[in-house]
Amino acid sequence: MPFPQLVLHQIQEGRWLKAPTFTTFQYIGAVIDEMSSPKDEQIALIRLTLEDRKMSYPDRFEQEKLLNLHKAKMLVEPVNSPDRNF
C-alpha cells in the first residue's frame, strides 16, 4: 500500500493525529472563558515584559508567569474559533 493511502487508512482508523471531539472543544471553550481577559494594568505589564523590561526577583517570576499565561491563551483561542479548519 503506497504511503498516501496508508496515511488515509490510519486517519480513518483514528490512529495518531486526529481531530478533537465536540466535547473537547467545549472544554477548550470553558478554559478560555475561565482565563478571562487581561485588565489594562496587566496588558501594560505584558507589554513591558515583551520589551524585555524585567522586574527584580521574586516579582520577576510572577511577571513571567503572567506573560506565559497570556501566550498560552493566545495559542488556545484560535482552536475555539468558529472559522477553524478541521
PDB file of N, CA and C in Angstrom:
ATOM      1  N   MET A   1       0.863  -1.173   0.000  1.00  0.00           N
ATOM      2  CA  MET A   1       0.000   0.000   0.000  1.00  0.00           C
ATOM      3  C   MET A   1       0.908   1.235   0.000  1.00  0.00           C
ATOM      4  N   PRO A   2       0.784   2.100  -1.008  1.00  0.00           N
ATOM      5  CA  PRO A   2       1.593   3.327  -1.028  1.00  0.00           C
ATOM      6  C   PRO A   2       1.297   4.188   0.195  1.00  0.00           C
ATOM      7  N   PHE A   3       2.289   4.973   0.598  1.00  0.00           N
ATOM      8  CA  PHE A   3       2.140   5.699   1.860  1.00  0.00           C
ATOM      9  C   PHE A   3       0.960   6.668   1.914  1.00  0.00           C
ATOM     10  N   PRO A   4       0.562   7.364   0.832  1.00  0.00           N
ATOM     11  CA  PRO A   4      -0.613   8.249   0.979  1.00  0.00           C
ATOM     12  C   PRO A   4      -1.873   7.482   1.388  1.00  0.00           C
ATOM     13  N   GLN A   5      -2.076   6.299   0.787  1.00  0.00           N
ATOM     14  CA  GLN A   5      -3.241   5.500   1.153  1.00  0.00           C
ATOM     15  C   GLN A   5      -3.101   4.957   2.570  1.00  0.00           C
ATOM     16  N   LEU A   6      -1.879   4.618   2.964  1.00  0.00           N
ATOM     17  CA  LEU A   6      -1.629   4.145   4.322  1.00  0.00           C
ATOM     18  C   LEU A   6      -1.996   5.231   5.330  1.00  0.00           C
ATOM     19  N   VAL A   7      -1.597   6.463   5.046  1.00  0.00           N
ATOM     20  CA  VAL A   7      -1.909   7.588   5.938  1.00  0.00           C
ATOM     21  C   VAL A   7      -3.421   7.797   6.032  1.00  0.00           C
ATOM     22  N   LEU A   8      -4.097   7.775   4.895  1.00  0.00           N
ATOM     23  CA  LEU A   8      -5.555   7.950   4.906  1.00  0.00           C
ATOM     24  C   LEU A   8      -6.235   6.823   5.677  1.00  0.00           C
ATOM     25  N   HIS A   9      -5.734   5.622   5.535  1.00  0.00           N
ATOM     26  CA  HIS A   9      -6.280   4.481   6.279  1.00  0.00           C
ATOM     27  C   HIS A   9      -6.082   4.681   7.784  1.00  0.00           C
ATOM     28  N   GLN A  10      -4.906   5.163   8.171  1.00  0.00           N
ATOM     29  CA  GLN A  10      -4.629   5.420   9.586  1.00  0.00           C
ATOM     30  C   GLN A  10      -5.574   6.486  10.131  1.00  0.00           C
ATOM     31  N   ILE A  11      -5.827   7.531   9.354  1.00  0.00           N
ATOM     32  CA  ILE A  11      -6.743   8.602   9.788  1.00  0.00           C
ATOM     33  C   ILE A  11      -8.155   8.041   9.957  1.00  0.00           C
ATOM     34  N   GLN A  12      -8.604   7.226   9.010  1.00  0.00           N
ATOM     35  CA  GLN A  12      -9.941   6.638   9.097  1.00  0.00           C
ATOM     36  C   GLN A  12     -10.082   5.750  10.329  1.00  0.00           C
ATOM     37  N   GLU A  13      -8.981   5.109  10.741  1.00  0.00           N
ATOM     38  CA  GLU A  13      -9.000   4.260  11.934  1.00  0.00           C
ATOM     39  C   GLU A  13      -8.889   5.076  13.222  1.00  0.00           C
ATOM     40  N   GLY A  14      -8.632   6.376  13.085  1.00  0.00           N
ATOM     41  CA  GLY A  14      -8.492   7.231  14.263  1.00  0.00           C
ATOM     42  C   GLY A  14      -7.168   7.052  14.982  1.00  0.00           C
ATOM     43  N   ARG A  15      -6.135   6.707  14.242  1.00  0.00           N
ATOM     44  CA  ARG A  15      -4.825   6.491  14.845  1.00  0.00           C
ATOM     45  C   ARG A  15      -3.981   7.755  14.723  1.00  0.00           C
ATOM     46  N   TRP A  16      -3.212   8.008  15.749  1.00  0.00           N
ATOM     47  CA  TRP A  16      -2.287   9.120  15.861  1.00  0.00           C
ATOM     48  C   TRP A  16      -2.984  10.471  15.739  1.00  0.00           C
ATOM     49  N   LEU A  17      -2.642  11.282  14.774  1.00  0.00           N
ATOM     50  CA  LEU A  17      -3.213  12.629  14.672  1.00  0.00           C
ATOM     51  C   LEU A  17      -4.692  12.550  14.310  1.00  0.00           C
ATOM     52  N   LYS A  18      -5.524  13.160  15.156  1.00  0.00           N
ATOM     53  CA  LYS A  18      -6.957  13.140  14.885  1.00  0.00           C
ATOM     54  C   LYS A  18      -7.589  14.409  15.438  1.00  0.00           C
ATOM     55  N   ALA A  19      -8.742  14.733  14.920  1.00  0.00           N
ATOM     56  CA  ALA A  19      -9.472  15.923  15.356  1.00  0.00           C
ATOM     57  C   ALA A  19     -10.085  15.678  16.731  1.00  0.00           C
ATOM     58  N   PRO A  20     -10.092  16.693  17.583  1.00  0.00           N
ATOM     59  CA  PRO A  20     -10.739  16.548  18.893  1.00  0.00           C
ATOM     60  C   PRO A  20     -12.249  16.375  18.747  1.00  0.00           C
ATOM     61  N   THR A  21     -12.849  15.804  19.753  1.00  0.00           N
ATOM     62  CA  THR A  21     -14.298  15.623  19.745  1.00  0.00           C
ATOM     63  C   THR A  21     -14.988  16.948  20.070  1.00  0.00           C
ATOM     64  N   PHE A  22     -16.286  16.985  19.849  1.00  0.00           N
ATOM     65  CA  PHE A  22     -17.066  18.181  20.165  1.00  0.00           C
ATOM     66  C   PHE A  22     -16.971  18.508  21.660  1.00  0.00           C
ATOM     67  N   THR A  23     -16.986  17.469  22.483  1.00  0.00           N
ATOM     68  CA  THR A  23     -16.884  17.667  23.935  1.00  0.00           C
ATOM     69  C   THR A  23     -15.560  18.331  24.292  1.00  0.00           C
ATOM     70  N   THR A  24     -14.499  17.899  23.652  1.00  0.00           N
ATOM     71  CA  THR A  24     -13.194  18.503  23.914  1.00  0.00           C
ATOM     72  C   THR A  24     -13.197  19.980  23.539  1.00  0.00           C
ATOM     73  N   PHE A  25     -13.833  20.313  22.423  1.00  0.00           N
ATOM     74  CA  PHE A  25     -13.945  21.723  22.035  1.00  0.00           C
ATOM     75  C   PHE A  25     -14.703  22.522  23.092  1.00  0.00           C
ATOM     76  N   GLN A  26     -15.718  21.907  23.680  1.00  0.00           N
ATOM     77  CA  GLN A  26     -16.457  22.594  24.739  1.00  0.00           C
ATOM     78  C   GLN A  26     -15.550  22.842  25.943  1.00  0.00           C
ATOM     79  N   TYR A  27     -14.719  21.873  26.288  1.00  0.00           N
ATOM     80  CA  TYR A  27     -13.769  22.052  27.394  1.00  0.00           C
ATOM     81  C   TYR A  27     -12.793  23.181  27.105  1.00  0.00           C
ATOM     82  N   ILE A  28     -12.318  23.225  25.870  1.00  0.00           N
ATOM     83  CA  ILE A  28     -11.379  24.286  25.491  1.00  0.00           C
ATOM     84  C   ILE A  28     -12.061  25.645  25.625  1.00  0.00           C
ATOM     85  N   GLY A  29     -13.308  25.738  25.199  1.00  0.00           N
ATOM     86  CA  GLY A  29     -14.058  26.986  25.344  1.00  0.00           C
ATOM     87  C   GLY A  29     -14.215  27.375  26.799  1.00  0.00           C
ATOM     88  N   ALA A  30     -14.467  26.395  27.656  1.00  0.00           N
ATOM     89  CA  ALA A  30     -14.609  26.677  29.090  1.00  0.00           C
ATOM     90  C   ALA A  30     -13.292  27.169  29.676  1.00  0.00           C
ATOM     91  N   VAL A  31     -12.185  26.596  29.237  1.00  0.00           N
ATOM     92  CA  VAL A  31     -10.868  27.040  29.713  1.00  0.00           C
ATOM     93  C   VAL A  31     -10.620  28.484  29.302  1.00  0.00           C
ATOM     94  N   ILE A  32     -10.919  28.810  28.066  1.00  0.00           N
ATOM     95  CA  ILE A  32     -10.717  30.184  27.584  1.00  0.00           C
ATOM     96  C   ILE A  32     -11.584  31.154  28.370  1.00  0.00           C
ATOM     97  N   ASP A  33     -12.839  30.781  28.614  1.00  0.00           N
ATOM     98  CA  ASP A  33     -13.735  31.643  29.400  1.00  0.00           C
ATOM     99  C   ASP A  33     -13.202  31.839  30.812  1.00  0.00           C
ATOM    100  N   GLU A  34     -12.695  30.769  31.418  1.00  0.00           N
ATOM    101  CA  GLU A  34     -12.180  30.852  32.782  1.00  0.00           C
ATOM    102  C   GLU A  34     -10.931  31.730  32.859  1.00  0.00           C
ATOM    103  N   MET A  35     -10.131  31.715  31.801  1.00  0.00           N
ATOM    104  CA  MET A  35      -8.914  32.527  31.789  1.00  0.00           C
ATOM    105  C   MET A  35      -9.245  34.014  31.733  1.00  0.00           C
ATOM    106  N   SER A  36     -10.394  34.356  31.174  1.00  0.00           N
ATOM    107  CA  SER A  36     -10.843  35.736  31.061  1.00  0.00           C
ATOM    108  C   SER A  36      -9.894  36.549  30.174  1.00  0.00           C
ATOM    109  N   SER A  37      -9.942  37.860  30.314  1.00  0.00           N
ATOM    110  CA  SER A  37      -9.093  38.762  29.537  1.00  0.00           C
ATOM    111  C   SER A  37      -8.282  39.620  30.491  1.00  0.00           C
ATOM    112  N   PRO A  38      -7.081  40.007  30.086  1.00  0.00           N
ATOM    113  CA  PRO A  38      -6.268  40.836  30.977  1.00  0.00           C
ATOM    114  C   PRO A  38      -6.842  42.241  31.132  1.00  0.00           C
ATOM    115  N   LYS A  39      -6.690  42.784  32.316  1.00  0.00           N
ATOM    116  CA  LYS A  39      -7.092  44.171  32.579  1.00  0.00           C
ATOM    117  C   LYS A  39      -6.018  45.096  32.015  1.00  0.00           C
ATOM    118  N   ASP A  40      -6.308  46.373  31.950  1.00  0.00           N
ATOM    119  CA  ASP A  40      -5.376  47.349  31.375  1.00  0.00           C
ATOM    120  C   ASP A  40      -3.995  47.295  32.030  1.00  0.00           C
ATOM    121  N   GLU A  41      -3.973  47.164  33.352  1.00  0.00           N
ATOM    122  CA  GLU A  41      -2.693  47.119  34.057  1.00  0.00           C
ATOM    123  C   GLU A  41      -1.899  45.867  33.683  1.00  0.00           C
ATOM    124  N   GLN A  42      -2.625  44.747  33.532  1.00  0.00           N
ATOM    125  CA  GLN A  42      -1.957  43.507  33.146  1.00  0.00           C
ATOM    126  C   GLN A  42      -1.426  43.604  31.720  1.00  0.00           C
ATOM    127  N   ILE A  43      -2.205  44.223  30.838  1.00  0.00           N
ATOM    128  CA  ILE A  43      -1.755  44.426  29.455  1.00  0.00           C
ATOM    129  C   ILE A  43      -0.480  45.263  29.441  1.00  0.00           C
ATOM    130  N   ALA A  44      -0.446  46.298  30.257  1.00  0.00           N
ATOM    131  CA  ALA A  44       0.740  47.154  30.317  1.00  0.00           C
ATOM    132  C   ALA A  44       1.960  46.358  30.782  1.00  0.00           C
ATOM    133  N   LEU A  45       1.785  45.515  31.782  1.00  0.00           N
ATOM    134  CA  LEU A  45       2.910  44.711  32.271  1.00  0.00           C
ATOM    135  C   LEU A  45       3.328  43.676  31.230  1.00  0.00           C
ATOM    136  N   ILE A  46       2.381  43.110  30.524  1.00  0.00           N
ATOM    137  CA  ILE A  46       2.714  42.172  29.440  1.00  0.00           C
ATOM    138  C   ILE A  46       3.548  42.883  28.383  1.00  0.00           C
ATOM    139  N   ARG A  47       3.151  44.093  28.022  1.00  0.00           N
ATOM    140  CA  ARG A  47       3.918  44.860  27.024  1.00  0.00           C
ATOM    141  C   ARG A  47       5.335  45.151  27.505  1.00  0.00           C
ATOM    142  N   LEU A  48       5.458  45.546  28.760  1.00  0.00           N
ATOM    143  CA  LEU A  48       6.794  45.795  29.311  1.00  0.00           C
ATOM    144  C   LEU A  48       7.646  44.525  29.274  1.00  0.00           C
ATOM    145  N   THR A  49       7.032  43.411  29.594  1.00  0.00           N
ATOM    146  CA  THR A  49       7.752  42.139  29.579  1.00  0.00           C
ATOM    147  C   THR A  49       8.187  41.791  28.171  1.00  0.00           C
ATOM    148  N   LEU A  50       7.327  42.022  27.196  1.00  0.00           N
ATOM    149  CA  LEU A  50       7.677  41.757  25.804  1.00  0.00           C
ATOM    150  C   LEU A  50       8.808  42.663  25.323  1.00  0.00           C
ATOM    151  N   GLU A  51       8.930  43.835  25.942  1.00  0.00           N
ATOM    152  CA  GLU A  51      10.029  44.754  25.619  1.00  0.00           C
ATOM    153  C   GLU A  51      11.305  44.374  26.372  1.00  0.00           C
ATOM    154  N   ASP A  52      11.260  43.235  27.072  1.00  0.00           N
ATOM    155  CA  ASP A  52      12.396  42.713  27.841  1.00  0.00           C
ATOM    156  C   ASP A  52      12.753  43.597  29.028  1.00  0.00           C
ATOM    157  N   ARG A  53      11.756  44.262  29.578  1.00  0.00           N
ATOM    158  CA  ARG A  53      11.949  45.061  30.798  1.00  0.00           C
ATOM    159  C   ARG A  53      11.502  44.213  31.975  1.00  0.00           C
ATOM    160  N   LYS A  54      12.470  43.703  32.700  1.00  0.00           N
ATOM    161  CA  LYS A  54      12.210  42.732  33.761  1.00  0.00           C
ATOM    162  C   LYS A  54      12.162  43.401  35.129  1.00  0.00           C
ATOM    163  N   MET A  55      11.305  42.858  35.963  1.00  0.00           N
ATOM    164  CA  MET A  55      11.235  43.293  37.353  1.00  0.00           C
ATOM    165  C   MET A  55      12.323  42.553  38.134  1.00  0.00           C
ATOM    166  N   SER A  56      12.563  42.965  39.351  1.00  0.00           N
ATOM    167  CA  SER A  56      13.546  42.266  40.170  1.00  0.00           C
ATOM    168  C   SER A  56      12.895  41.027  40.787  1.00  0.00           C
ATOM    169  N   TYR A  57      13.757  40.085  41.180  1.00  0.00           N
ATOM    170  CA  TYR A  57      13.251  38.865  41.839  1.00  0.00           C
ATOM    171  C   TYR A  57      12.710  39.210  43.204  1.00  0.00           C
ATOM    172  N   PRO A  58      11.705  38.588  43.733  1.00  0.00           N
ATOM    173  CA  PRO A  58      10.948  37.445  43.205  1.00  0.00           C
ATOM    174  C   PRO A  58       9.778  37.849  42.307  1.00  0.00           C
ATOM    175  N   ASP A  59       9.556  39.156  42.127  1.00  0.00           N
ATOM    176  CA  ASP A  59       8.423  39.599  41.304  1.00  0.00           C
ATOM    177  C   ASP A  59       8.566  39.176  39.844  1.00  0.00           C
ATOM    178  N   ARG A  60       9.794  38.968  39.403  1.00  0.00           N
ATOM    179  CA  ARG A  60      10.019  38.569  38.011  1.00  0.00           C
ATOM    180  C   ARG A  60       9.340  37.238  37.707  1.00  0.00           C
ATOM    181  N   PHE A  61       9.294  36.337  38.683  1.00  0.00           N
ATOM    182  CA  PHE A  61       8.626  35.054  38.459  1.00  0.00           C
ATOM    183  C   PHE A  61       7.162  35.261  38.133  1.00  0.00           C
ATOM    184  N   GLU A  62       6.501  36.129  38.878  1.00  0.00           N
ATOM    185  CA  GLU A  62       5.080  36.413  38.622  1.00  0.00           C
ATOM    186  C   GLU A  62       4.905  37.150  37.296  1.00  0.00           C
ATOM    187  N   GLN A  63       5.832  38.025  36.966  1.00  0.00           N
ATOM    188  CA  GLN A  63       5.793  38.750  35.698  1.00  0.00           C
ATOM    189  C   GLN A  63       5.881  37.761  34.533  1.00  0.00           C
ATOM    190  N   GLU A  64       6.803  36.832  34.626  1.00  0.00           N
ATOM    191  CA  GLU A  64       6.959  35.850  33.553  1.00  0.00           C
ATOM    192  C   GLU A  64       5.788  34.870  33.521  1.00  0.00           C
ATOM    193  N   LYS A  65       5.228  34.566  34.674  1.00  0.00           N
ATOM    194  CA  LYS A  65       4.055  33.701  34.732  1.00  0.00           C
ATOM    195  C   LYS A  65       2.877  34.365  34.014  1.00  0.00           C
ATOM    196  N   LEU A  66       2.694  35.666  34.223  1.00  0.00           N
ATOM    197  CA  LEU A  66       1.641  36.408  33.540  1.00  0.00           C
ATOM    198  C   LEU A  66       1.846  36.356  32.028  1.00  0.00           C
ATOM    199  N   LEU A  67       3.071  36.582  31.582  1.00  0.00           N
ATOM    200  CA  LEU A  67       3.360  36.544  30.147  1.00  0.00           C
ATOM    201  C   LEU A  67       3.084  35.149  29.587  1.00  0.00           C
ATOM    202  N   ASN A  68       3.510  34.111  30.279  1.00  0.00           N
ATOM    203  CA  ASN A  68       3.282  32.747  29.797  1.00  0.00           C
ATOM    204  C   ASN A  68       1.797  32.403  29.752  1.00  0.00           C
ATOM    205  N   LEU A  69       1.039  32.865  30.713  1.00  0.00           N
ATOM    206  CA  LEU A  69      -0.403  32.648  30.710  1.00  0.00           C
ATOM    207  C   LEU A  69      -1.049  33.346  29.523  1.00  0.00           C
ATOM    208  N   HIS A  70      -0.595  34.576  29.268  1.00  0.00           N
ATOM    209  CA  HIS A  70      -1.114  35.328  28.124  1.00  0.00           C
ATOM    210  C   HIS A  70      -0.773  34.612  26.814  1.00  0.00           C
ATOM    211  N   LYS A  71       0.453  34.148  26.677  1.00  0.00           N
ATOM    212  CA  LYS A  71       0.856  33.424  25.465  1.00  0.00           C
ATOM    213  C   LYS A  71       0.028  32.160  25.291  1.00  0.00           C
ATOM    214  N   ALA A  72      -0.193  31.436  26.376  1.00  0.00           N
ATOM    215  CA  ALA A  72      -0.993  30.208  26.305  1.00  0.00           C
ATOM    216  C   ALA A  72      -2.402  30.513  25.823  1.00  0.00           C
ATOM    217  N   LYS A  73      -2.987  31.566  26.357  1.00  0.00           N
ATOM    218  CA  LYS A  73      -4.348  31.929  25.941  1.00  0.00           C
ATOM    219  C   LYS A  73      -4.371  32.308  24.460  1.00  0.00           C
ATOM    220  N   MET A  74      -3.361  33.042  24.003  1.00  0.00           N
ATOM    221  CA  MET A  74      -3.304  33.438  22.597  1.00  0.00           C
ATOM    222  C   MET A  74      -3.161  32.219  21.680  1.00  0.00           C
ATOM    223  N   LEU A  75      -2.492  31.178  22.153  1.00  0.00           N
ATOM    224  CA  LEU A  75      -2.339  29.973  21.348  1.00  0.00           C
ATOM    225  C   LEU A  75      -3.601  29.110  21.349  1.00  0.00           C
ATOM    226  N   VAL A  76      -4.353  29.132  22.438  1.00  0.00           N
ATOM    227  CA  VAL A  76      -5.531  28.285  22.564  1.00  0.00           C
ATOM    228  C   VAL A  76      -6.764  28.921  21.922  1.00  0.00           C
ATOM    229  N   GLU A  77      -6.868  30.223  21.937  1.00  0.00           N
ATOM    230  CA  GLU A  77      -8.072  30.894  21.418  1.00  0.00           C
ATOM    231  C   GLU A  77      -8.424  30.522  19.976  1.00  0.00           C
ATOM    232  N   PRO A  78      -7.462  30.459  19.057  1.00  0.00           N
ATOM    233  CA  PRO A  78      -7.853  30.099  17.683  1.00  0.00           C
ATOM    234  C   PRO A  78      -8.457  28.707  17.561  1.00  0.00           C
ATOM    235  N   VAL A  79      -8.129  27.812  18.473  1.00  0.00           N
ATOM    236  CA  VAL A  79      -8.690  26.459  18.431  1.00  0.00           C
ATOM    237  C   VAL A  79     -10.199  26.504  18.618  1.00  0.00           C
ATOM    238  N   ASN A  80     -10.663  27.434  19.411  1.00  0.00           N
ATOM    239  CA  ASN A  80     -12.082  27.548  19.720  1.00  0.00           C
ATOM    240  C   ASN A  80     -12.816  28.468  18.741  1.00  0.00           C
ATOM    241  N   SER A  81     -12.119  28.975  17.752  1.00  0.00           N
ATOM    242  CA  SER A  81     -12.695  29.893  16.784  1.00  0.00           C
ATOM    243  C   SER A  81     -13.688  29.163  15.867  1.00  0.00           C
ATOM    244  N   PRO A  82     -14.812  29.800  15.549  1.00  0.00           N
ATOM    245  CA  PRO A  82     -15.798  29.142  14.683  1.00  0.00           C
ATOM    246  C   PRO A  82     -15.306  28.938  13.252  1.00  0.00           C
ATOM    247  N   ASP A  83     -14.275  29.671  12.833  1.00  0.00           N
ATOM    248  CA  ASP A  83     -13.792  29.532  11.450  1.00  0.00           C
ATOM    249  C   ASP A  83     -12.545  28.649  11.366  1.00  0.00           C
ATOM    250  N   ARG A  84     -12.346  27.764  12.354  1.00  0.00           N
ATOM    251  CA  ARG A  84     -11.208  26.853  12.303  1.00  0.00           C
ATOM    252  C   ARG A  84     -11.413  25.859  11.168  1.00  0.00           C
ATOM    253  N   ASN A  85     -10.334  25.311  10.680  1.00  0.00           N
ATOM    254  CA  ASN A  85     -10.399  24.414   9.537  1.00  0.00           C
ATOM    255  C   ASN A  85     -10.070  22.974   9.940  1.00  0.00           C
ATOM    256  N   PHE A  86     -11.024  22.306  10.572  1.00  0.00           N
ATOM    257  CA  PHE A  86     -10.844  20.886  10.908  1.00  0.00           C
ATOM    258  C   PHE A  86     -11.744  20.054  10.051  1.00  0.00           C
TER     259      PHE A  86
END
